[in-house]
Every structure is written in structure tokens, then in C-alpha cells.
Amino acid sequence: MDIAHDGRSFARIFGVAHALVLRQVNALDEAGALLRITKREPRTMRTHYVVSL
């Protein structure tokens, strides 16, 4: 749906803690399901991802 491309934006839009979003993005990436991490920004903790259906 092209709503958010990184974890911080997703957290802000949906009112969820950024740490919870990061945890789930990492879990989904490791499981190889639904999304793939494309970039990590260590200073801001932004994790960019793409949906992989």
C-alpha cells in the first residue's frame, strides 16, 4: 500500500513504539516472510524495508 518505507515512519503513523516495530521487522526478515530489510541507519535506528509477497 506504500504507506511507510521504514520502521520509524511506520511507528509514527500507527502510534506504535519504534522498538516494537524494529523487533517485528527483524523477526519477519529473519523468517524470510513478507518483507526484506534493504538498509539500516545506525545513528537514527531507521530500518528501511520492502514488502516481498
PDB file of N, CA and C in Angstrom:
ATOM      1  N   MET A   1       0.823  -1.199   0.000  1.00  0.00           N
ATOM      2  CA  MET A   1       0.000   0.000   0.000  1.00  0.00           C
ATOM      3  C   MET A   1       0.860   1.253   0.000  1.00  0.00           C
ATOM      4  N   ASP A   2       2.172   1.071   0.132  1.00  0.00           N
ATOM      5  CA  ASP A   2       3.100   2.199   0.041  1.00  0.00           C
ATOM      6  C   ASP A   2       2.853   3.245   1.135  1.00  0.00           C
ATOM      7  N   ILE A   3       2.549   2.804   2.348  1.00  0.00           N
ATOM      8  CA  ILE A   3       2.266   3.724   3.446  1.00  0.00           C
ATOM      9  C   ILE A   3       3.547   4.209   4.120  1.00  0.00           C
ATOM     10  N   ALA A   4       4.449   3.305   4.443  1.00  0.00           N
ATOM     11  CA  ALA A   4       5.701   3.661   5.113  1.00  0.00           C
ATOM     12  C   ALA A   4       6.809   2.745   4.607  1.00  0.00           C
ATOM     13  N   HIS A   5       7.998   3.315   4.429  1.00  0.00           N
ATOM     14  CA  HIS A   5       9.122   2.543   3.903  1.00  0.00           C
ATOM     15  C   HIS A   5      10.182   2.252   4.950  1.00  0.00           C
ATOM     16  N   ASP A   6       9.988   2.770   6.155  1.00  0.00           N
ATOM     17  CA  ASP A   6      10.948   2.490   7.216  1.00  0.00           C
ATOM     18  C   ASP A   6      10.208   2.360   8.541  1.00  0.00           C
ATOM     19  N   GLY A   7      10.880   1.729   9.495  1.00  0.00           N
ATOM     20  CA  GLY A   7      10.257   1.424  10.771  1.00  0.00           C
ATOM     21  C   GLY A   7       9.828   2.644  11.566  1.00  0.00           C
ATOM     22  N   ARG A   8      10.633   3.715  11.540  1.00  0.00           N
ATOM     23  CA  ARG A   8      10.291   4.913  12.308  1.00  0.00           C
ATOM     24  C   ARG A   8       9.027   5.566  11.762  1.00  0.00           C
ATOM     25  N   SER A   9       8.903   5.655  10.459  1.00  0.00           N
ATOM     26  CA  SER A   9       7.693   6.226   9.850  1.00  0.00           C
ATOM     27  C   SER A   9       6.471   5.377  10.174  1.00  0.00           C
ATOM     28  N   PHE A  10       6.628   4.053  10.092  1.00  0.00           N
ATOM     29  CA  PHE A  10       5.535   3.145  10.418  1.00  0.00           C
ATOM     30  C   PHE A  10       5.083   3.360  11.865  1.00  0.00           C
ATOM     31  N   ALA A  11       6.046   3.453  12.782  1.00  0.00           N
ATOM     32  CA  ALA A  11       5.722   3.644  14.199  1.00  0.00           C
ATOM     33  C   ALA A  11       4.972   4.950  14.418  1.00  0.00           C
ATOM     34  N   ARG A  12       5.420   6.020  13.769  1.00  0.00           N
ATOM     35  CA  ARG A  12       4.776   7.324  13.934  1.00  0.00           C
ATOM     36  C   ARG A  12       3.364   7.329  13.357  1.00  0.00           C
ATOM     37  N   ILE A  13       3.187   6.776  12.178  1.00  0.00           N
ATOM     38  CA  ILE A  13       1.878   6.772  11.519  1.00  0.00           C
ATOM     39  C   ILE A  13       0.849   5.981  12.319  1.00  0.00           C
ATOM     40  N   PHE A  14       1.258   4.820  12.844  1.00  0.00           N
ATOM     41  CA  PHE A  14       0.320   3.939  13.534  1.00  0.00           C
ATOM     42  C   PHE A  14       0.336   4.067  15.053  1.00  0.00           C
ATOM     43  N   GLY A  15       1.161   4.957  15.587  1.00  0.00           N
ATOM     44  CA  GLY A  15       1.177   5.192  17.026  1.00  0.00           C
ATOM     45  C   GLY A  15       1.694   4.019  17.833  1.00  0.00           C
ATOM     46  N   VAL A  16       2.719   3.347  17.296  1.00  0.00           N
ATOM     47  CA  VAL A  16       3.314   2.182  17.954  1.00  0.00           C
ATOM     48  C   VAL A  16       4.752   2.546  18.333  1.00  0.00           C
ATOM     49  N   ALA A  17       5.248   1.975  19.412  1.00  0.00           N
ATOM     50  CA  ALA A  17       6.626   2.232  19.817  1.00  0.00           C
ATOM     51  C   ALA A  17       7.593   1.763  18.734  1.00  0.00           C
ATOM     52  N   HIS A  18       8.584   2.598  18.430  1.00  0.00           N
ATOM     53  CA  HIS A  18       9.562   2.275  17.392  1.00  0.00           C
ATOM     54  C   HIS A  18      10.297   0.977  17.709  1.00  0.00           C
ATOM     55  N   ALA A  19      10.602   0.727  18.962  1.00  0.00           N
ATOM     56  CA  ALA A  19      11.305  -0.503  19.353  1.00  0.00           C
ATOM     57  C   ALA A  19      10.491  -1.747  19.007  1.00  0.00           C
ATOM     58  N   LEU A  20       9.183  -1.683  19.183  1.00  0.00           N
ATOM     59  CA  LEU A  20       8.330  -2.827  18.837  1.00  0.00           C
ATOM     60  C   LEU A  20       8.313  -3.068  17.329  1.00  0.00           C
ATOM     61  N   VAL A  21       8.283  -1.989  16.576  1.00  0.00           N
ATOM     62  CA  VAL A  21       8.308  -2.123  15.118  1.00  0.00           C
ATOM     63  C   VAL A  21       9.628  -2.743  14.679  1.00  0.00           C
ATOM     64  N   LEU A  22      10.750  -2.271  15.235  1.00  0.00           N
ATOM     65  CA  LEU A  22      12.060  -2.828  14.881  1.00  0.00           C
ATOM     66  C   LEU A  22      12.126  -4.316  15.185  1.00  0.00           C
ATOM     67  N   ARG A  23      11.605  -4.704  16.323  1.00  0.00           N
ATOM     68  CA  ARG A  23      11.623  -6.116  16.709  1.00  0.00           C
ATOM     69  C   ARG A  23      10.870  -6.968  15.694  1.00  0.00           C
ATOM     70  N   GLN A  24       9.701  -6.512  15.272  1.00  0.00           N
ATOM     71  CA  GLN A  24       8.893  -7.295  14.348  1.00  0.00           C
ATOM     72  C   GLN A  24       9.467  -7.279  12.921  1.00  0.00           C
ATOM     73  N   VAL A  25      10.017  -6.139  12.504  1.00  0.00           N
ATOM     74  CA  VAL A  25      10.644  -6.074  11.183  1.00  0.00           C
ATOM     75  C   VAL A  25      11.806  -7.057  11.121  1.00  0.00           C
ATOM     76  N   ASN A  26      12.624  -7.097  12.170  1.00  0.00           N
ATOM     77  CA  ASN A  26      13.746  -8.038  12.209  1.00  0.00           C
ATOM     78  C   ASN A  26      13.265  -9.485  12.209  1.00  0.00           C
ATOM     79  N   ALA A  27      12.224  -9.771  12.972  1.00  0.00           N
ATOM     80  CA  ALA A  27      11.693 -11.137  13.034  1.00  0.00           C
ATOM     81  C   ALA A  27      11.146 -11.575  11.671  1.00  0.00           C
ATOM     82  N   LEU A  28      10.426 -10.687  10.994  1.00  0.00           N
ATOM     83  CA  LEU A  28       9.875 -11.029   9.681  1.00  0.00           C
ATOM     84  C   LEU A  28      10.978 -11.203   8.641  1.00  0.00           C
ATOM     85  N   ASP A  29      12.020 -10.385   8.736  1.00  0.00           N
ATOM     86  CA  ASP A  29      13.143 -10.516   7.807  1.00  0.00           C
ATOM     87  C   ASP A  29      13.874 -11.839   8.027  1.00  0.00           C
ATOM     88  N   GLU A  30      14.130 -12.193   9.283  1.00  0.00           N
ATOM     89  CA  GLU A  30      14.833 -13.443   9.594  1.00  0.00           C
ATOM     90  C   GLU A  30      14.028 -14.664   9.166  1.00  0.00           C
ATOM     91  N   ALA A  31      12.711 -14.580   9.299  1.00  0.00           N
ATOM     92  CA  ALA A  31      11.848 -15.700   8.908  1.00  0.00           C
ATOM     93  C   ALA A  31      11.704 -15.803   7.392  1.00  0.00           C
ATOM     94  N   GLY A  32      12.136 -14.757   6.684  1.00  0.00           N
ATOM     95  CA  GLY A  32      12.005 -14.764   5.230  1.00  0.00           C
ATOM     96  C   GLY A  32      10.575 -14.594   4.777  1.00  0.00           C
ATOM     97  N   ALA A  33       9.766 -13.981   5.612  1.00  0.00           N
ATOM     98  CA  ALA A  33       8.340 -13.847   5.317  1.00  0.00           C
ATOM     99  C   ALA A  33       7.946 -12.374   5.187  1.00  0.00           C
ATOM    100  N   LEU A  34       7.222 -12.070   4.171  1.00  0.00           N
ATOM    101  CA  LEU A  34       6.546 -10.796   3.954  1.00  0.00           C
ATOM    102  C   LEU A  34       7.410  -9.580   3.668  1.00  0.00           C
ATOM    103  N   LEU A  35       8.588  -9.445   4.268  1.00  0.00           N
ATOM    104  CA  LEU A  35       9.392  -8.268   3.962  1.00  0.00           C
ATOM    105  C   LEU A  35      10.876  -8.574   4.008  1.00  0.00           C
ATOM    106  N   ARG A  36      11.643  -7.654   3.405  1.00  0.00           N
ATOM    107  CA  ARG A  36      13.095  -7.788   3.347  1.00  0.00           C
ATOM    108  C   ARG A  36      13.700  -6.442   3.720  1.00  0.00           C
ATOM    109  N   ILE A  37      14.668  -6.437   4.618  1.00  0.00           N
ATOM    110  CA  ILE A  37      15.352  -5.219   5.022  1.00  0.00           C
ATOM    111  C   ILE A  37      16.322  -4.821   3.914  1.00  0.00           C
ATOM    112  N   THR A  38      16.252  -3.559   3.507  1.00  0.00           N
ATOM    113  CA  THR A  38      17.113  -3.078   2.431  1.00  0.00           C
ATOM    114  C   THR A  38      18.220  -2.160   2.920  1.00  0.00           C
ATOM    115  N   LYS A  39      18.014  -1.494   4.059  1.00  0.00           N
ATOM    116  CA  LYS A  39      19.000  -0.530   4.546  1.00  0.00           C
ATOM    117  C   LYS A  39      18.775  -0.285   6.033  1.00  0.00           C
ATOM    118  N   ARG A  40      19.881  -0.116   6.760  1.00  0.00           N
ATOM    119  CA  ARG A  40      19.812   0.238   8.184  1.00  0.00           C
ATOM    120  C   ARG A  40      20.639   1.492   8.420  1.00  0.00           C
ATOM    121  N   GLU A  41      20.093   2.427   9.169  1.00  0.00           N
ATOM    122  CA  GLU A  41      20.810   3.644   9.522  1.00  0.00           C
ATOM    123  C   GLU A  41      21.115   3.589  11.016  1.00  0.00           C
ATOM    124  N   PRO A  42      22.358   3.292  11.382  1.00  0.00           N
ATOM    125  CA  PRO A  42      22.698   3.086  12.793  1.00  0.00           C
ATOM    126  C   PRO A  42      22.455   4.304  13.691  1.00  0.00           C
ATOM    127  N   ARG A  43      22.695   5.508  13.182  1.00  0.00           N
ATOM    128  CA  ARG A  43      22.548   6.698  14.019  1.00  0.00           C
ATOM    129  C   ARG A  43      21.091   6.949  14.406  1.00  0.00           C
ATOM    130  N   THR A  44      20.180   6.811  13.459  1.00  0.00           N
ATOM    131  CA  THR A  44      18.764   7.108  13.712  1.00  0.00           C
ATOM    132  C   THR A  44      17.943   5.863  14.010  1.00  0.00           C
ATOM    133  N   MET A  45      18.539   4.673  13.830  1.00  0.00           N
ATOM    134  CA  MET A  45      17.850   3.398  14.018  1.00  0.00           C
ATOM    135  C   MET A  45      16.735   3.177  13.001  1.00  0.00           C
ATOM    136  N   ARG A  46      16.772   3.916  11.900  1.00  0.00           N
ATOM    137  CA  ARG A  46      15.789   3.672  10.831  1.00  0.00           C
ATOM    138  C   ARG A  46      16.151   2.386  10.114  1.00  0.00           C
ATOM    139  N   THR A  47      15.164   1.569   9.891  1.00  0.00           N
ATOM    140  CA  THR A  47      15.339   0.328   9.156  1.00  0.00           C
ATOM    141  C   THR A  47      14.397   0.383   7.958  1.00  0.00           C
ATOM    142  N   HIS A  48      14.976   0.459   6.768  1.00  0.00           N
ATOM    143  CA  HIS A  48      14.184   0.522   5.541  1.00  0.00           C
ATOM    144  C   HIS A  48      13.898  -0.901   5.074  1.00  0.00           C
ATOM    145  N   TYR A  49      12.725  -1.097   4.522  1.00  0.00           N
ATOM    146  CA  TYR A  49      12.320  -2.433   4.094  1.00  0.00           C
ATOM    147  C   TYR A  49      11.439  -2.346   2.862  1.00  0.00           C
ATOM    148  N   VAL A  50      11.301  -3.481   2.192  1.00  0.00           N
ATOM    149  CA  VAL A  50      10.364  -3.611   1.073  1.00  0.00           C
ATOM    150  C   VAL A  50       9.521  -4.852   1.328  1.00  0.00           C
ATOM    151  N   VAL A  51       8.291  -4.802   0.906  1.00  0.00           N
ATOM    152  CA  VAL A  51       7.383  -5.936   1.051  1.00  0.00           C
ATOM    153  C   VAL A  51       7.709  -6.955  -0.036  1.00  0.00           C
ATOM    154  N   SER A  52       7.847  -8.202   0.359  1.00  0.00           N
ATOM    155  CA  SER A  52       8.147  -9.261  -0.613  1.00  0.00           C
ATOM    156  C   SER A  52       7.063 -10.328  -0.527  1.00  0.00           C
ATOM    157  N   LEU A  53       6.076 -10.169  -1.364  1.00  0.00           N
ATOM    158  CA  LEU A  53       4.962 -11.106  -1.356  1.00  0.00           C
ATOM    159  C   LEU A  53       5.373 -12.265  -2.147  1.00  0.00           C
TER     160      LEU A  53
END
